[in-house]
Amino acid sequence: KHPPCARTPTPKMSEVVLNFQPAHAAIGGAILGVATVGKLLTTGRILGISGSFKGTVVEGDLSPWRFAFIGGLVASGLLDAVFDPLQIIEPSAGLARTVVAGLLVGAGSGMGNGCTSGHGICGNSRLNPRSMVYTGLFMATGFATATLFNTNAALHVVSASSALGNTVLPAADALARYAGILAVSVVSFLGLAHIARGASKKADGECGKTHGVLAIVAEGLAGLVFGIGLTVSGMRRAAKVSGFLSALAPSWDPSLMLVMGGAMSLAIPGFVVAGNKPKPACTPKFNIPKNKKLDKKLLVGGVLFGAGWGLAGLCPGPAIVSIAARPTGKLGAWLASVVAGMWVQHKLA
């Protein structure tokens, strides 16, 4: 008898095999950059998801712009559920691990006053020392945590399968769709700014009720566009984040680097433009953090945030979008734990 033919092992249904998707990552990052710059130049505020979330649910700041921005993120998830109703929910970490991860992310983002959006994109794009140190800390801690606690295994990622060896590029129709999203997003922000300038001329340069309405619309648009960018880039997938943080595994996926690069390639010149403008389009002034001090809270916050991020591959923005698109009990538990971590940190501060 002849010996049986050798076969390539087929992943089990619950296993996740990572693909490297450089175009999705770079284009998704560019969409994030459009949202970041659009929000900055229209409302004068930086795009920081954990800060917006904490301000609303923990500190009790019920400013309409916060609800509009978070509502935009939620809307992007709902739209994704409508246009992609057959998307598969990938395996998540165990409940206890998920809760611990959420507590660490909540406490860490509260202590450090930011996360991957506020510090990672906005802070680094304006070369703020606090953001650069905080980002370096949460990246290093995330790498260490994901490796030491084998987050790939917790998320059922097949570590032995090379992501770089499974490179996937989008089809032509998908590229056209992403280009359309970018174009519509840019035109929408430019349109809001144009309307605001017209209102300013009628009010002798002052900001009136029309500007207030436009600022709320701009916040909602920023949240919506940013959420779409997270979906396109793949950063809503905890497995994708774990693939990046598990740098020693054959399945290492460098997509996050391209996402950050795509976002910052637009955010850096956007902050330069903002620095040369007297005020944003829809509000009286820019509100860009000026604190550059490195302190113990920042350092500890970076370590805690990175540990939580590395344990479950989740941070606030992707989780908010994902729970709207495909709600699960564990996502709900993670977000509740984030709120708890933020609340404890706020009370102890």
Protein backbone atom coordinates (compact mmCIF):
# COMPACT_ATOMS: atom_id res chain seq x y z
CA LYS A 1 0.00 0.00 0.00
CA HIS A 2 1.13 3.50 -0.73
CA PRO A 3 1.53 5.86 2.27
CA PRO A 4 -1.14 8.56 2.58
CA CYS A 5 -0.31 11.87 0.90
CA ALA A 6 0.91 14.64 3.18
CA ARG A 7 -1.57 17.48 3.62
CA THR A 8 -1.26 21.03 4.83
CA PRO A 9 -3.03 21.31 8.20
CA THR A 10 -6.40 23.01 7.85
CA PRO A 11 -7.26 25.56 10.57
CA LYS A 12 -10.17 24.66 12.79
CA MET A 13 -13.32 26.73 12.53
CA SER A 14 -12.48 28.59 15.77
CA GLU A 15 -8.93 29.43 14.68
CA VAL A 16 -7.85 32.72 13.11
CA VAL A 17 -5.24 32.79 10.35
CA LEU A 18 -3.91 36.32 9.88
CA ASN A 19 -3.38 37.95 6.49
CA PHE A 20 -1.15 40.95 5.88
CA GLN A 21 -3.29 43.60 4.17
CA PRO A 22 -0.99 46.58 3.49
CA ALA A 23 -3.39 48.50 1.24
CA HIS A 24 -6.30 48.15 3.67
CA ALA A 25 -4.04 49.31 6.50
CA ALA A 26 -2.61 52.35 4.68
CA ILE A 27 -5.95 53.45 3.22
CA GLY A 28 -7.76 52.89 6.52
CA GLY A 29 -5.05 54.94 8.22
CA ALA A 30 -5.56 57.75 5.69
CA ILE A 31 -9.29 57.73 6.50
CA LEU A 32 -8.39 58.05 10.19
CA GLY A 33 -6.15 60.97 9.24
CA VAL A 34 -8.98 62.72 7.38
CA ALA A 35 -11.21 62.40 10.46
CA THR A 36 -8.44 63.72 12.72
CA VAL A 37 -7.64 66.75 10.55
CA GLY A 38 -11.29 67.43 9.73
CA LYS A 39 -12.24 67.53 13.40
CA LEU A 40 -9.24 69.72 14.26
CA LEU A 41 -9.77 72.34 11.56
CA THR A 42 -13.55 72.59 12.03
CA THR A 43 -13.99 72.30 15.82
CA GLY A 44 -10.48 73.05 17.12
CA ARG A 45 -10.44 69.88 19.21
CA ILE A 46 -8.05 66.95 18.90
CA LEU A 47 -9.50 63.53 18.24
CA GLY A 48 -9.14 61.59 21.49
CA ILE A 49 -11.61 58.75 22.00
CA SER A 50 -10.80 57.71 25.57
CA GLY A 51 -10.89 61.33 26.73
CA SER A 52 -14.26 61.95 25.06
CA PHE A 53 -15.63 58.72 26.51
CA LYS A 54 -14.31 59.33 30.03
CA GLY A 55 -15.53 62.91 30.05
CA THR A 56 -19.07 61.76 29.32
CA VAL A 57 -19.52 58.55 31.33
CA VAL A 58 -17.20 59.22 34.29
CA GLU A 59 -16.82 62.98 34.70
CA GLY A 60 -20.41 63.81 33.78
CA ASP A 61 -19.58 66.31 31.03
CA LEU A 62 -22.73 66.23 28.92
CA SER A 63 -21.53 68.64 26.25
CA PRO A 64 -23.41 67.93 23.00
CA TRP A 65 -20.17 67.60 21.02
CA ARG A 66 -19.15 64.56 23.07
CA PHE A 67 -22.41 62.77 22.31
CA ALA A 68 -22.14 63.71 18.63
CA PHE A 69 -18.62 62.34 18.33
CA ILE A 70 -19.31 59.09 20.18
CA GLY A 71 -22.60 58.81 18.30
CA GLY A 72 -20.66 59.01 15.05
CA LEU A 73 -18.50 56.08 16.13
CA VAL A 74 -21.61 54.08 16.99
CA ALA A 75 -23.22 55.01 13.67
CA SER A 76 -20.20 53.67 11.77
CA GLY A 77 -20.65 50.31 13.49
CA LEU A 78 -24.36 50.23 12.72
CA LEU A 79 -23.66 51.02 9.07
CA ASP A 80 -21.09 48.25 8.92
CA ALA A 81 -23.66 45.81 10.28
CA VAL A 82 -26.10 46.86 7.54
CA PHE A 83 -23.62 46.65 4.65
CA ASP A 84 -21.81 43.54 5.92
CA PRO A 85 -24.47 41.49 7.72
CA LEU A 86 -22.58 38.19 7.33
CA GLN A 87 -19.38 39.25 9.09
CA ILE A 88 -18.01 36.61 11.45
CA ILE A 89 -17.40 37.31 15.13
CA GLU A 90 -13.87 36.13 15.83
CA PRO A 91 -12.92 34.34 19.07
CA SER A 92 -12.21 36.61 22.04
CA ALA A 93 -10.22 36.18 25.22
CA GLY A 94 -11.75 34.55 28.30
CA LEU A 95 -14.10 36.62 30.44
CA ALA A 96 -11.72 37.06 33.40
CA ARG A 97 -8.88 38.10 31.11
CA THR A 98 -11.21 40.47 29.24
CA VAL A 99 -12.32 42.16 32.47
CA VAL A 100 -8.76 42.59 33.75
CA ALA A 101 -7.73 44.01 30.37
CA GLY A 102 -10.59 46.52 30.44
CA LEU A 103 -9.75 47.66 33.97
CA LEU A 104 -6.12 48.23 32.99
CA VAL A 105 -7.02 50.11 29.81
CA GLY A 106 -9.51 52.29 31.68
CA ALA A 107 -7.13 53.15 34.51
CA GLY A 108 -4.16 53.60 32.18
CA SER A 109 -5.92 55.86 29.68
CA GLY A 110 -7.28 57.89 32.60
CA MET A 111 -3.86 58.36 34.18
CA GLY A 112 -2.16 59.11 30.86
CA ASN A 113 -5.02 61.24 29.51
CA GLY A 114 -5.20 59.41 26.21
CA CYS A 115 -4.92 56.27 24.12
CA THR A 116 -3.94 55.24 20.60
CA SER A 117 -5.89 58.12 19.02
CA GLY A 118 -5.23 61.11 21.29
CA HIS A 119 -1.60 60.26 22.00
CA GLY A 120 -0.78 57.78 19.25
CA ILE A 121 -2.03 59.85 16.31
CA CYS A 122 -2.64 63.41 17.49
CA GLY A 123 0.12 63.78 20.08
CA ASN A 124 2.85 62.16 18.02
CA SER A 125 1.82 64.14 14.94
CA ARG A 126 2.61 67.37 16.75
CA LEU A 127 5.80 65.88 18.27
CA ASN A 128 4.56 66.23 21.85
CA PRO A 129 7.13 64.60 24.22
CA ARG A 130 4.37 63.31 26.52
CA SER A 131 2.66 61.49 23.69
CA MET A 132 5.90 60.10 22.28
CA VAL A 133 6.93 58.67 25.66
CA TYR A 134 3.42 57.40 26.45
CA THR A 135 3.17 55.70 23.05
CA GLY A 136 6.59 54.13 23.43
CA LEU A 137 5.62 52.78 26.84
CA PHE A 138 2.27 51.31 25.85
CA MET A 139 3.77 49.78 22.71
CA ALA A 140 6.65 48.18 24.62
CA THR A 141 4.37 46.98 27.42
CA GLY A 142 1.85 45.71 24.88
CA PHE A 143 4.56 43.72 23.09
CA ALA A 144 5.79 42.23 26.37
CA THR A 145 2.31 41.39 27.67
CA ALA A 146 1.06 39.83 24.43
CA THR A 147 4.22 37.71 24.24
CA LEU A 148 4.48 36.65 27.89
CA PHE A 149 0.77 35.89 28.27
CA ASN A 150 0.39 34.42 24.76
CA THR A 151 -2.47 36.62 23.60
CA ASN A 152 -2.43 34.93 20.21
CA ALA A 153 -3.44 31.67 21.88
CA ALA A 154 -6.12 33.44 23.94
CA LEU A 155 -7.61 34.82 20.71
CA HIS A 156 -7.14 31.52 18.81
CA VAL A 157 -4.65 33.06 16.38
CA VAL A 158 -2.57 30.47 14.52
CA SER A 159 0.89 31.74 15.48
CA ALA A 160 2.68 29.29 13.19
CA SER A 161 1.05 30.71 10.06
CA SER A 162 2.98 33.60 8.48
CA ALA A 163 0.88 36.74 8.01
CA LEU A 164 3.51 38.23 5.70
CA GLY A 165 3.37 35.06 3.63
CA ASN A 166 -0.39 35.53 3.27
CA THR A 167 -0.45 39.03 1.82
CA VAL A 168 -3.86 40.08 0.50
CA LEU A 169 -4.63 43.12 -1.65
CA PRO A 170 -8.11 44.60 -2.15
CA ALA A 171 -10.01 44.03 -5.38
CA ALA A 172 -10.50 46.93 -7.79
CA ASP A 173 -14.09 47.54 -6.67
CA ALA A 174 -13.00 47.69 -3.05
CA LEU A 175 -10.26 50.20 -3.90
CA ALA A 176 -12.81 52.34 -5.74
CA ARG A 177 -15.12 52.17 -2.72
CA TYR A 178 -12.35 53.23 -0.33
CA ALA A 179 -11.35 56.09 -2.65
CA GLY A 180 -14.97 57.19 -2.64
CA ILE A 181 -15.07 57.15 1.16
CA LEU A 182 -11.93 59.30 1.30
CA ALA A 183 -13.27 61.76 -1.28
CA VAL A 184 -16.71 62.11 0.31
CA SER A 185 -15.16 62.56 3.77
CA VAL A 186 -12.81 65.32 2.59
CA VAL A 187 -15.55 67.11 0.63
CA SER A 188 -17.92 66.90 3.61
CA PHE A 189 -15.45 68.57 5.98
CA LEU A 190 -14.60 71.20 3.36
CA GLY A 191 -18.31 71.83 2.85
CA LEU A 192 -18.88 72.40 6.56
CA ALA A 193 -15.93 74.80 6.68
CA HIS A 194 -17.27 76.68 3.65
CA ILE A 195 -20.71 77.09 5.23
CA ALA A 196 -19.07 78.25 8.48
CA ARG A 197 -17.02 80.89 6.64
CA GLY A 198 -20.18 82.20 5.00
CA ALA A 199 -21.90 82.42 8.40
CA SER A 200 -18.88 84.25 9.83
CA LYS A 201 -19.04 86.91 7.12
CA LYS A 202 -22.69 87.57 7.93
CA ALA A 203 -21.87 87.83 11.67
CA ASP A 204 -18.79 90.06 11.29
CA GLY A 205 -16.42 87.22 12.14
CA GLU A 206 -18.26 86.11 15.28
CA CYS A 207 -19.40 82.55 16.02
CA GLY A 208 -23.16 82.25 16.32
CA LYS A 209 -25.82 79.55 16.54
CA THR A 210 -25.09 78.36 13.01
CA HIS A 211 -21.48 77.71 13.97
CA GLY A 212 -22.61 75.74 17.01
CA VAL A 213 -24.79 73.50 14.87
CA LEU A 214 -22.02 73.04 12.32
CA ALA A 215 -19.54 72.11 15.07
CA ILE A 216 -21.90 69.38 16.32
CA VAL A 217 -22.32 68.06 12.77
CA ALA A 218 -18.53 68.09 12.33
CA GLU A 219 -18.09 66.08 15.54
CA GLY A 220 -20.58 63.47 14.38
CA LEU A 221 -18.91 63.32 10.98
CA ALA A 222 -15.47 62.90 12.59
CA GLY A 223 -16.71 59.99 14.68
CA LEU A 224 -18.38 58.37 11.68
CA VAL A 225 -15.33 58.71 9.42
CA PHE A 226 -12.93 57.57 12.13
CA GLY A 227 -15.06 54.49 12.81
CA ILE A 228 -15.10 53.63 9.10
CA GLY A 229 -11.31 54.00 9.05
CA LEU A 230 -11.01 51.54 11.93
CA THR A 231 -13.11 49.03 10.00
CA VAL A 232 -11.26 49.43 6.70
CA SER A 233 -7.84 49.20 8.37
CA GLY A 234 -8.75 46.04 10.27
CA MET A 235 -7.94 47.60 13.64
CA ARG A 236 -11.32 46.62 15.04
CA ARG A 237 -10.04 43.03 15.06
CA ALA A 238 -8.43 42.09 18.36
CA ALA A 239 -6.65 39.24 16.56
CA LYS A 240 -5.07 41.75 14.17
CA VAL A 241 -3.78 43.84 17.09
CA SER A 242 -2.46 40.72 18.82
CA GLY A 243 -0.74 39.76 15.58
CA PHE A 244 1.15 43.05 15.66
CA LEU A 245 1.99 42.91 19.37
CA SER A 246 3.14 39.27 19.19
CA ALA A 247 6.30 40.33 17.36
CA LEU A 248 8.24 37.12 18.00
CA ALA A 249 5.64 34.84 16.41
CA PRO A 250 5.78 33.81 12.73
CA SER A 251 2.28 35.29 12.42
CA TRP A 252 3.59 38.81 13.15
CA ASP A 253 1.45 41.33 11.27
CA PRO A 254 2.93 44.84 10.79
CA SER A 255 -0.38 46.35 9.63
CA LEU A 256 -0.65 48.71 12.61
CA MET A 257 2.53 50.46 11.50
CA LEU A 258 0.95 51.27 8.15
CA VAL A 259 -2.26 52.39 9.83
CA MET A 260 -0.39 54.83 12.05
CA GLY A 261 1.75 55.96 9.13
CA GLY A 262 -1.29 56.60 6.94
CA ALA A 263 -3.03 58.59 9.68
CA MET A 264 0.01 60.64 10.66
CA SER A 265 0.91 61.42 7.05
CA LEU A 266 -2.20 63.62 7.04
CA ALA A 267 -2.30 64.60 10.71
CA ILE A 268 1.23 66.09 10.74
CA PRO A 269 0.54 68.67 8.00
CA GLY A 270 -2.94 69.16 9.48
CA PHE A 271 -1.48 70.35 12.78
CA VAL A 272 0.94 72.61 10.89
CA VAL A 273 -2.00 74.20 9.08
CA ALA A 274 -3.88 74.60 12.37
CA GLY A 275 -0.87 76.35 13.89
CA ASN A 276 -1.03 78.97 11.14
CA LYS A 277 -4.76 79.63 11.50
CA PRO A 278 -6.22 82.16 13.96
CA LYS A 279 -9.18 79.88 14.77
CA PRO A 280 -11.01 76.81 13.51
CA ALA A 281 -13.96 77.08 11.13
CA CYS A 282 -16.81 76.43 13.56
CA THR A 283 -15.60 77.44 17.05
CA PRO A 284 -13.88 80.51 18.57
CA LYS A 285 -10.49 78.89 19.28
CA PHE A 286 -8.28 75.83 19.06
CA ASN A 287 -8.16 73.59 22.15
CA ILE A 288 -4.89 71.74 21.66
CA PRO A 289 -3.21 70.40 24.83
CA LYS A 290 0.01 72.22 25.59
CA ASN A 291 1.25 70.13 28.51
CA LYS A 292 4.65 68.61 27.68
CA LYS A 293 5.60 67.53 31.20
CA LEU A 294 6.68 63.95 31.81
CA ASP A 295 5.36 62.82 35.18
CA LYS A 296 4.75 59.62 37.13
CA LYS A 297 1.05 59.48 36.20
CA LEU A 298 1.88 59.53 32.52
CA LEU A 299 4.50 56.80 32.84
CA VAL A 300 2.39 54.50 34.99
CA GLY A 301 -0.62 55.16 32.76
CA GLY A 302 1.34 54.13 29.68
CA VAL A 303 2.38 50.85 31.28
CA LEU A 304 -1.13 50.04 32.52
CA PHE A 305 -2.74 50.89 29.19
CA GLY A 306 -0.19 48.82 27.28
CA ALA A 307 -0.70 45.83 29.59
CA GLY A 308 -4.47 45.93 29.11
CA TRP A 309 -4.15 46.44 25.36
CA GLY A 310 -1.72 43.54 25.12
CA LEU A 311 -3.92 41.18 27.14
CA ALA A 312 -7.00 41.38 24.92
CA GLY A 313 -6.08 43.42 21.83
CA LEU A 314 -8.79 45.99 22.50
CA CYS A 315 -8.86 49.76 23.00
CA PRO A 316 -11.87 52.12 23.32
CA GLY A 317 -12.45 53.24 19.72
CA PRO A 318 -12.52 49.81 18.07
CA ALA A 319 -14.60 48.40 20.93
CA ILE A 320 -17.26 51.12 20.66
CA VAL A 321 -17.58 50.59 16.90
CA SER A 322 -17.58 46.80 17.24
CA ILE A 323 -20.24 46.62 19.93
CA ALA A 324 -22.52 48.62 17.65
CA ALA A 325 -21.77 46.39 14.66
CA ARG A 326 -21.75 43.02 16.39
CA PRO A 327 -22.59 43.24 20.12
CA THR A 328 -21.27 40.44 22.33
CA GLY A 329 -21.31 39.88 26.07
CA LYS A 330 -17.53 40.04 26.29
CA LEU A 331 -17.35 43.36 24.46
CA GLY A 332 -19.94 44.69 26.87
CA ALA A 333 -17.95 43.35 29.83
CA TRP A 334 -14.76 44.93 28.47
CA LEU A 335 -16.38 48.36 28.04
CA ALA A 336 -17.97 48.16 31.50
CA SER A 337 -14.55 47.30 32.93
CA VAL A 338 -12.99 50.26 31.11
CA VAL A 339 -15.57 52.56 32.69
CA ALA A 340 -14.85 51.01 36.11
CA GLY A 341 -11.11 51.49 35.65
CA MET A 342 -11.61 55.11 34.60
CA TRP A 343 -13.94 55.72 37.55
CA VAL A 344 -11.51 54.28 40.11
CA GLN A 345 -8.63 56.28 38.63
CA HIS A 346 -10.75 59.46 38.64
CA LYS A 347 -11.72 58.99 42.28
CA LEU A 348 -8.14 58.28 43.37
CA ALA A 349 -6.63 61.14 41.38
